[in-house]
Amino acid sequence: MKQFYECADHSEALELLNRAGALFKGHFLLSSGLHSPEYFQCARLTEIPSIAEQIAKKIAEVVRQWNPTVVLAPAVGGILIGYELARQLGIRNIFAERPTGAFELRRGFSLSPHDRVLLAENVITTGGSVLEVASLVERVGATVAGFAVIVDRSGGAFSPAHPVATYLKTTAITYDPAECPLCKSGIPIEKPGSRSFAP
């Protein structure tokens, strides 16, 4: 099976993100701990249901062949695109949370050994969160069918053992905090995501 799928024309996808105001410029602390002069705020895409539907339809055309039975997303970023993907595919939608630091299924959500799980995420830089959720899937005995991502900004660093479908694939500009030129220039940093941690 092919490993990577780009579900939309690159320029078309980038234009949609810009039009929706989803691409921010500045000085940002990413969930990975890295710093970046740009940030994809995919919540700006999913706040408009027609745009979320447009993106999910494109991704669903590709991932349907993997025969998923359930969509699972890490909270909170992947929840909305996970829901819309599940709606397009006509399958269950659940999400994982980390109330004590490690992802777990709560709220009565469960997976069985018969489930083929499509892991949904909004933005990937290192892929750490969604790979943690993939480990959860394997621990409970279900099968990872593949990954569905709105923006893969890893530049090829995200290379799991299962197929990946992305709406937009690009390369992020990132800096190690100790070497960040934006920090050295005294530009204030923002933490736009939902994950809290000590930098």
C-alpha atoms as a PDB file:
ATOM      1  CA  MET A   1       0.000   0.000   0.000  1.00  0.00           C
ATOM      2  CA  LYS A   2       1.180   3.520  -0.814  1.00  0.00           C
ATOM      3  CA  GLN A   3       2.441   5.291   2.327  1.00  0.00           C
ATOM      4  CA  PHE A   4       1.647   8.997   1.782  1.00  0.00           C
ATOM      5  CA  TYR A   5      -1.317  10.615   0.063  1.00  0.00           C
ATOM      6  CA  GLU A   6      -1.818  14.314  -0.617  1.00  0.00           C
ATOM      7  CA  CYS A   7      -5.568  14.794  -0.861  1.00  0.00           C
ATOM      8  CA  ALA A   8      -5.649  18.239  -2.483  1.00  0.00           C
ATOM      9  CA  ASP A   9      -3.618  20.362  -4.854  1.00  0.00           C
ATOM     10  CA  HIS A  10      -0.929  22.094  -2.786  1.00  0.00           C
ATOM     11  CA  SER A  11      -1.625  25.654  -3.963  1.00  0.00           C
ATOM     12  CA  GLU A  12      -5.384  25.145  -3.626  1.00  0.00           C
ATOM     13  CA  ALA A  13      -4.998  23.865  -0.045  1.00  0.00           C
ATOM     14  CA  LEU A  14      -2.630  26.690   0.949  1.00  0.00           C
ATOM     15  CA  GLU A  15      -4.979  29.279  -0.561  1.00  0.00           C
ATOM     16  CA  LEU A  16      -7.880  27.868   1.464  1.00  0.00           C
ATOM     17  CA  LEU A  17      -5.878  28.102   4.717  1.00  0.00           C
ATOM     18  CA  ASN A  18      -4.878  31.681   3.959  1.00  0.00           C
ATOM     19  CA  ARG A  19      -8.424  32.668   2.973  1.00  0.00           C
ATOM     20  CA  ALA A  20      -9.785  31.235   6.216  1.00  0.00           C
ATOM     21  CA  GLY A  21      -7.188  33.110   8.267  1.00  0.00           C
ATOM     22  CA  ALA A  22      -5.677  29.847   9.497  1.00  0.00           C
ATOM     23  CA  LEU A  23      -2.017  30.733   8.859  1.00  0.00           C
ATOM     24  CA  PHE A  24      -0.556  33.065  11.506  1.00  0.00           C
ATOM     25  CA  LYS A  25       2.821  34.811  11.447  1.00  0.00           C
ATOM     26  CA  GLY A  26       4.745  35.733  14.597  1.00  0.00           C
ATOM     27  CA  HIS A  27       6.688  33.828  17.287  1.00  0.00           C
ATOM     28  CA  PHE A  28       5.010  30.665  18.508  1.00  0.00           C
ATOM     29  CA  LEU A  29       5.692  27.886  21.002  1.00  0.00           C
ATOM     30  CA  LEU A  30       4.514  24.627  19.427  1.00  0.00           C
ATOM     31  CA  SER A  31       3.198  21.605  21.322  1.00  0.00           C
ATOM     32  CA  SER A  32       6.450  19.849  20.388  1.00  0.00           C
ATOM     33  CA  GLY A  33       8.378  22.454  22.447  1.00  0.00           C
ATOM     34  CA  LEU A  34       9.955  23.934  19.304  1.00  0.00           C
ATOM     35  CA  HIS A  35       9.621  27.591  18.305  1.00  0.00           C
ATOM     36  CA  SER A  36       8.316  28.751  14.916  1.00  0.00           C
ATOM     37  CA  PRO A  37       7.614  32.010  13.046  1.00  0.00           C
ATOM     38  CA  GLU A  38       4.357  30.536  11.709  1.00  0.00           C
ATOM     39  CA  TYR A  39       1.408  28.670  13.117  1.00  0.00           C
ATOM     40  CA  PHE A  40      -1.408  26.786  11.420  1.00  0.00           C
ATOM     41  CA  GLN A  41      -4.536  27.396  13.477  1.00  0.00           C
ATOM     42  CA  CYS A  42      -6.796  24.738  11.970  1.00  0.00           C
ATOM     43  CA  ALA A  43      -9.560  25.676  14.401  1.00  0.00           C
ATOM     44  CA  ARG A  44     -10.116  28.603  12.008  1.00  0.00           C
ATOM     45  CA  LEU A  45     -10.960  26.034   9.322  1.00  0.00           C
ATOM     46  CA  THR A  46     -13.262  23.887  11.405  1.00  0.00           C
ATOM     47  CA  GLU A  47     -15.144  26.895  12.798  1.00  0.00           C
ATOM     48  CA  ILE A  48     -16.730  27.133   9.339  1.00  0.00           C
ATOM     49  CA  PRO A  49     -18.645  23.844   8.845  1.00  0.00           C
ATOM     50  CA  SER A  50     -18.669  24.081   5.044  1.00  0.00           C
ATOM     51  CA  ILE A  51     -14.851  24.339   4.956  1.00  0.00           C
ATOM     52  CA  ALA A  52     -14.431  21.445   7.415  1.00  0.00           C
ATOM     53  CA  GLU A  53     -16.766  19.412   5.218  1.00  0.00           C
ATOM     54  CA  GLN A  54     -14.802  20.308   2.065  1.00  0.00           C
ATOM     55  CA  ILE A  55     -11.510  19.216   3.647  1.00  0.00           C
ATOM     56  CA  ALA A  56     -12.968  16.034   5.156  1.00  0.00           C
ATOM     57  CA  LYS A  57     -14.527  14.998   1.846  1.00  0.00           C
ATOM     58  CA  LYS A  58     -11.140  15.218   0.130  1.00  0.00           C
ATOM     59  CA  ILE A  59      -9.459  13.158   2.850  1.00  0.00           C
ATOM     60  CA  ALA A  60     -12.338  10.660   3.048  1.00  0.00           C
ATOM     61  CA  GLU A  61     -11.976   9.884  -0.667  1.00  0.00           C
ATOM     62  CA  VAL A  62      -8.501   8.537   0.097  1.00  0.00           C
ATOM     63  CA  VAL A  63      -8.916   6.869   3.511  1.00  0.00           C
ATOM     64  CA  ARG A  64     -12.133   5.002   2.656  1.00  0.00           C
ATOM     65  CA  GLN A  65     -10.011   2.306   0.943  1.00  0.00           C
ATOM     66  CA  TRP A  66      -8.359   1.539   4.318  1.00  0.00           C
ATOM     67  CA  ASN A  67     -11.734   0.267   5.611  1.00  0.00           C
ATOM     68  CA  PRO A  68     -11.729   2.084   8.974  1.00  0.00           C
ATOM     69  CA  THR A  69     -14.485   1.264  11.465  1.00  0.00           C
ATOM     70  CA  VAL A  70     -13.898   4.191  13.830  1.00  0.00           C
ATOM     71  CA  VAL A  71     -12.157   7.594  13.838  1.00  0.00           C
ATOM     72  CA  LEU A  72     -10.073   8.430  16.912  1.00  0.00           C
ATOM     73  CA  ALA A  73      -8.535  11.859  17.539  1.00  0.00           C
ATOM     74  CA  PRO A  74      -6.358  13.332  20.291  1.00  0.00           C
ATOM     75  CA  ALA A  75      -8.195  16.036  22.249  1.00  0.00           C
ATOM     76  CA  VAL A  76      -8.681  18.769  21.623  1.00  0.00           C
ATOM     77  CA  GLY A  77      -7.195  19.695  18.275  1.00  0.00           C
ATOM     78  CA  GLY A  78      -8.312  16.681  16.270  1.00  0.00           C
ATOM     79  CA  ILE A  79     -11.846  16.379  17.636  1.00  0.00           C
ATOM     80  CA  LEU A  80     -13.697  18.455  15.033  1.00  0.00           C
ATOM     81  CA  ILE A  81     -11.943  17.092  11.952  1.00  0.00           C
ATOM     82  CA  GLY A  82     -12.311  13.607  13.442  1.00  0.00           C
ATOM     83  CA  TYR A  83     -16.059  14.120  13.774  1.00  0.00           C
ATOM     84  CA  GLU A  84     -16.429  15.413  10.213  1.00  0.00           C
ATOM     85  CA  LEU A  85     -14.326  12.558   8.808  1.00  0.00           C
ATOM     86  CA  ALA A  86     -16.467  10.030  10.668  1.00  0.00           C
ATOM     87  CA  ARG A  87     -19.594  11.693   9.285  1.00  0.00           C
ATOM     88  CA  GLN A  88     -18.261  11.487   5.733  1.00  0.00           C
ATOM     89  CA  LEU A  89     -17.275   7.832   6.206  1.00  0.00           C
ATOM     90  CA  GLY A  90     -20.429   6.828   8.081  1.00  0.00           C
ATOM     91  CA  ILE A  91     -18.509   5.345  11.022  1.00  0.00           C
ATOM     92  CA  ARG A  92     -18.079   5.975  14.776  1.00  0.00           C
ATOM     93  CA  ASN A  93     -16.148   8.945  16.113  1.00  0.00           C
ATOM     94  CA  ILE A  94     -14.334   9.023  19.477  1.00  0.00           C
ATOM     95  CA  PHE A  95     -11.475  10.983  21.035  1.00  0.00           C
ATOM     96  CA  ALA A  96      -8.705  10.393  23.568  1.00  0.00           C
ATOM     97  CA  GLU A  97      -7.811  12.699  26.471  1.00  0.00           C
ATOM     98  CA  ARG A  98      -4.839  13.019  28.799  1.00  0.00           C
ATOM     99  CA  PRO A  99      -6.200  14.088  32.192  1.00  0.00           C
ATOM    100  CA  THR A 100      -3.112  12.776  34.002  1.00  0.00           C
ATOM    101  CA  GLY A 101      -0.492  13.209  31.272  1.00  0.00           C
ATOM    102  CA  ALA A 102      -1.031  10.045  29.188  1.00  0.00           C
ATOM    103  CA  PHE A 103      -3.741   9.563  26.586  1.00  0.00           C
ATOM    104  CA  GLU A 104      -6.679   7.379  27.572  1.00  0.00           C
ATOM    105  CA  LEU A 105     -10.198   6.619  26.457  1.00  0.00           C
ATOM    106  CA  ARG A 106     -12.852   8.084  28.745  1.00  0.00           C
ATOM    107  CA  ARG A 107     -16.587   8.952  28.638  1.00  0.00           C
ATOM    108  CA  GLY A 108     -17.478   5.332  27.915  1.00  0.00           C
ATOM    109  CA  PHE A 109     -15.468   5.253  24.658  1.00  0.00           C
ATOM    110  CA  SER A 110     -13.920   1.879  23.824  1.00  0.00           C
ATOM    111  CA  LEU A 111     -12.182  -0.070  21.061  1.00  0.00           C
ATOM    112  CA  SER A 112     -12.376  -3.762  20.282  1.00  0.00           C
ATOM    113  CA  PRO A 113      -9.861  -6.093  18.559  1.00  0.00           C
ATOM    114  CA  HIS A 114     -12.156  -5.948  15.501  1.00  0.00           C
ATOM    115  CA  ASP A 115     -11.767  -2.180  15.098  1.00  0.00           C
ATOM    116  CA  ARG A 116      -9.690  -0.598  12.345  1.00  0.00           C
ATOM    117  CA  VAL A 117      -8.862   2.855  13.670  1.00  0.00           C
ATOM    118  CA  LEU A 118      -8.342   5.975  11.575  1.00  0.00           C
ATOM    119  CA  LEU A 119      -6.316   8.455  13.639  1.00  0.00           C
ATOM    120  CA  ALA A 120      -7.299  12.072  12.910  1.00  0.00           C
ATOM    121  CA  GLU A 121      -5.211  15.156  13.698  1.00  0.00           C
ATOM    122  CA  ASN A 122      -5.357  18.801  12.711  1.00  0.00           C
ATOM    123  CA  VAL A 123      -1.641  19.745  12.513  1.00  0.00           C
ATOM    124  CA  ILE A 124       1.474  17.589  12.768  1.00  0.00           C
ATOM    125  CA  THR A 125       4.979  18.938  13.370  1.00  0.00           C
ATOM    126  CA  THR A 126       6.628  15.963  15.083  1.00  0.00           C
ATOM    127  CA  GLY A 127       3.480  13.827  15.322  1.00  0.00           C
ATOM    128  CA  GLY A 128       4.082  13.127  18.998  1.00  0.00           C
ATOM    129  CA  SER A 129       0.453  13.393  20.140  1.00  0.00           C
ATOM    130  CA  VAL A 130      -1.110  11.281  17.407  1.00  0.00           C
ATOM    131  CA  LEU A 131       1.635   8.649  17.714  1.00  0.00           C
ATOM    132  CA  GLU A 132       0.857   8.415  21.444  1.00  0.00           C
ATOM    133  CA  VAL A 133      -2.779   7.757  20.531  1.00  0.00           C
ATOM    134  CA  ALA A 134      -1.646   5.123  18.001  1.00  0.00           C
ATOM    135  CA  SER A 135       0.190   3.352  20.845  1.00  0.00           C
ATOM    136  CA  LEU A 136      -3.022   3.442  22.875  1.00  0.00           C
ATOM    137  CA  VAL A 137      -4.868   1.772  19.989  1.00  0.00           C
ATOM    138  CA  GLU A 138      -2.294  -1.018  19.843  1.00  0.00           C
ATOM    139  CA  ARG A 139      -2.294  -1.472  23.625  1.00  0.00           C
ATOM    140  CA  VAL A 140      -6.019  -2.203  23.651  1.00  0.00           C
ATOM    141  CA  GLY A 141      -5.667  -4.688  20.786  1.00  0.00           C
ATOM    142  CA  ALA A 142      -7.250  -2.713  17.935  1.00  0.00           C
ATOM    143  CA  THR A 143      -5.612  -2.071  14.538  1.00  0.00           C
ATOM    144  CA  VAL A 144      -4.292   1.260  13.247  1.00  0.00           C
ATOM    145  CA  ALA A 145      -5.712   1.672   9.739  1.00  0.00           C
ATOM    146  CA  GLY A 146      -3.854   4.920   9.053  1.00  0.00           C
ATOM    147  CA  PHE A 147      -3.557   8.627   9.799  1.00  0.00           C
ATOM    148  CA  ALA A 148      -5.656  11.535   8.463  1.00  0.00           C
ATOM    149  CA  VAL A 149      -4.183  15.020   8.900  1.00  0.00           C
ATOM    150  CA  ILE A 150      -5.238  18.499   7.787  1.00  0.00           C
ATOM    151  CA  VAL A 151      -1.681  19.915   7.781  1.00  0.00           C
ATOM    152  CA  ASP A 152       1.475  17.802   7.911  1.00  0.00           C
ATOM    153  CA  ARG A 153       4.219  20.382   8.477  1.00  0.00           C
ATOM    154  CA  SER A 154       6.852  17.818   9.461  1.00  0.00           C
ATOM    155  CA  GLY A 155       8.760  18.021   6.173  1.00  0.00           C
ATOM    156  CA  GLY A 156       8.894  14.229   6.000  1.00  0.00           C
ATOM    157  CA  ALA A 157       9.922  13.692   9.636  1.00  0.00           C
ATOM    158  CA  PHE A 158       6.513  12.174  10.387  1.00  0.00           C
ATOM    159  CA  SER A 159       6.922   8.731   8.872  1.00  0.00           C
ATOM    160  CA  PRO A 160       4.844   6.137  10.735  1.00  0.00           C
ATOM    161  CA  ALA A 161       4.463   2.489   9.786  1.00  0.00           C
ATOM    162  CA  HIS A 162       0.899   3.096   8.551  1.00  0.00           C
ATOM    163  CA  PRO A 163      -0.409   5.157   5.601  1.00  0.00           C
ATOM    164  CA  VAL A 164      -0.927   8.905   5.985  1.00  0.00           C
ATOM    165  CA  ALA A 165      -3.449  11.107   4.149  1.00  0.00           C
ATOM    166  CA  THR A 166      -2.923  14.873   4.364  1.00  0.00           C
ATOM    167  CA  TYR A 167      -4.863  17.827   3.026  1.00  0.00           C
ATOM    168  CA  LEU A 168      -1.727  19.993   2.966  1.00  0.00           C
ATOM    169  CA  LYS A 169       1.857  18.747   3.233  1.00  0.00           C
ATOM    170  CA  THR A 170       4.527  21.354   3.898  1.00  0.00           C
ATOM    171  CA  THR A 171       7.774  21.940   5.771  1.00  0.00           C
ATOM    172  CA  ALA A 172       7.668  23.954   8.973  1.00  0.00           C
ATOM    173  CA  ILE A 173      10.274  26.509   9.949  1.00  0.00           C
ATOM    174  CA  THR A 174      11.162  25.518  13.505  1.00  0.00           C
ATOM    175  CA  TYR A 175      13.891  26.375  15.988  1.00  0.00           C
ATOM    176  CA  ASP A 176      15.275  24.753  19.094  1.00  0.00           C
ATOM    177  CA  PRO A 177      14.423  27.172  21.951  1.00  0.00           C
ATOM    178  CA  ALA A 178      18.123  27.557  22.845  1.00  0.00           C
ATOM    179  CA  GLU A 179      18.925  28.687  19.283  1.00  0.00           C
ATOM    180  CA  CYS A 180      15.752  30.573  18.369  1.00  0.00           C
ATOM    181  CA  PRO A 181      16.554  33.849  16.532  1.00  0.00           C
ATOM    182  CA  LEU A 182      13.106  35.195  17.429  1.00  0.00           C
ATOM    183  CA  CYS A 183      13.918  34.827  21.137  1.00  0.00           C
ATOM    184  CA  LYS A 184      17.292  36.477  20.592  1.00  0.00           C
ATOM    185  CA  SER A 185      15.518  39.383  18.877  1.00  0.00           C
ATOM    186  CA  GLY A 186      13.284  39.827  21.916  1.00  0.00           C
ATOM    187  CA  ILE A 187      10.044  39.048  20.045  1.00  0.00           C
ATOM    188  CA  PRO A 188       7.390  37.928  22.582  1.00  0.00           C
ATOM    189  CA  ILE A 189       6.354  34.291  22.236  1.00  0.00           C
ATOM    190  CA  GLU A 190       2.781  33.011  22.050  1.00  0.00           C
ATOM    191  CA  LYS A 191       1.450  29.546  22.930  1.00  0.00           C
ATOM    192  CA  PRO A 192      -1.610  29.270  20.673  1.00  0.00           C
ATOM    193  CA  GLY A 193      -2.375  25.572  21.119  1.00  0.00           C
ATOM    194  CA  SER A 194      -4.414  23.844  23.807  1.00  0.00           C
ATOM    195  CA  ARG A 195      -1.748  21.651  25.362  1.00  0.00           C
ATOM    196  CA  SER A 196      -0.236  22.953  28.591  1.00  0.00           C
ATOM    197  CA  PHE A 197       3.286  22.099  29.653  1.00  0.00           C
ATOM    198  CA  ALA A 198       6.348  23.708  31.152  1.00  0.00           C
ATOM    199  CA  PRO A 199       8.575  24.937  28.290  1.00  0.00           C
END
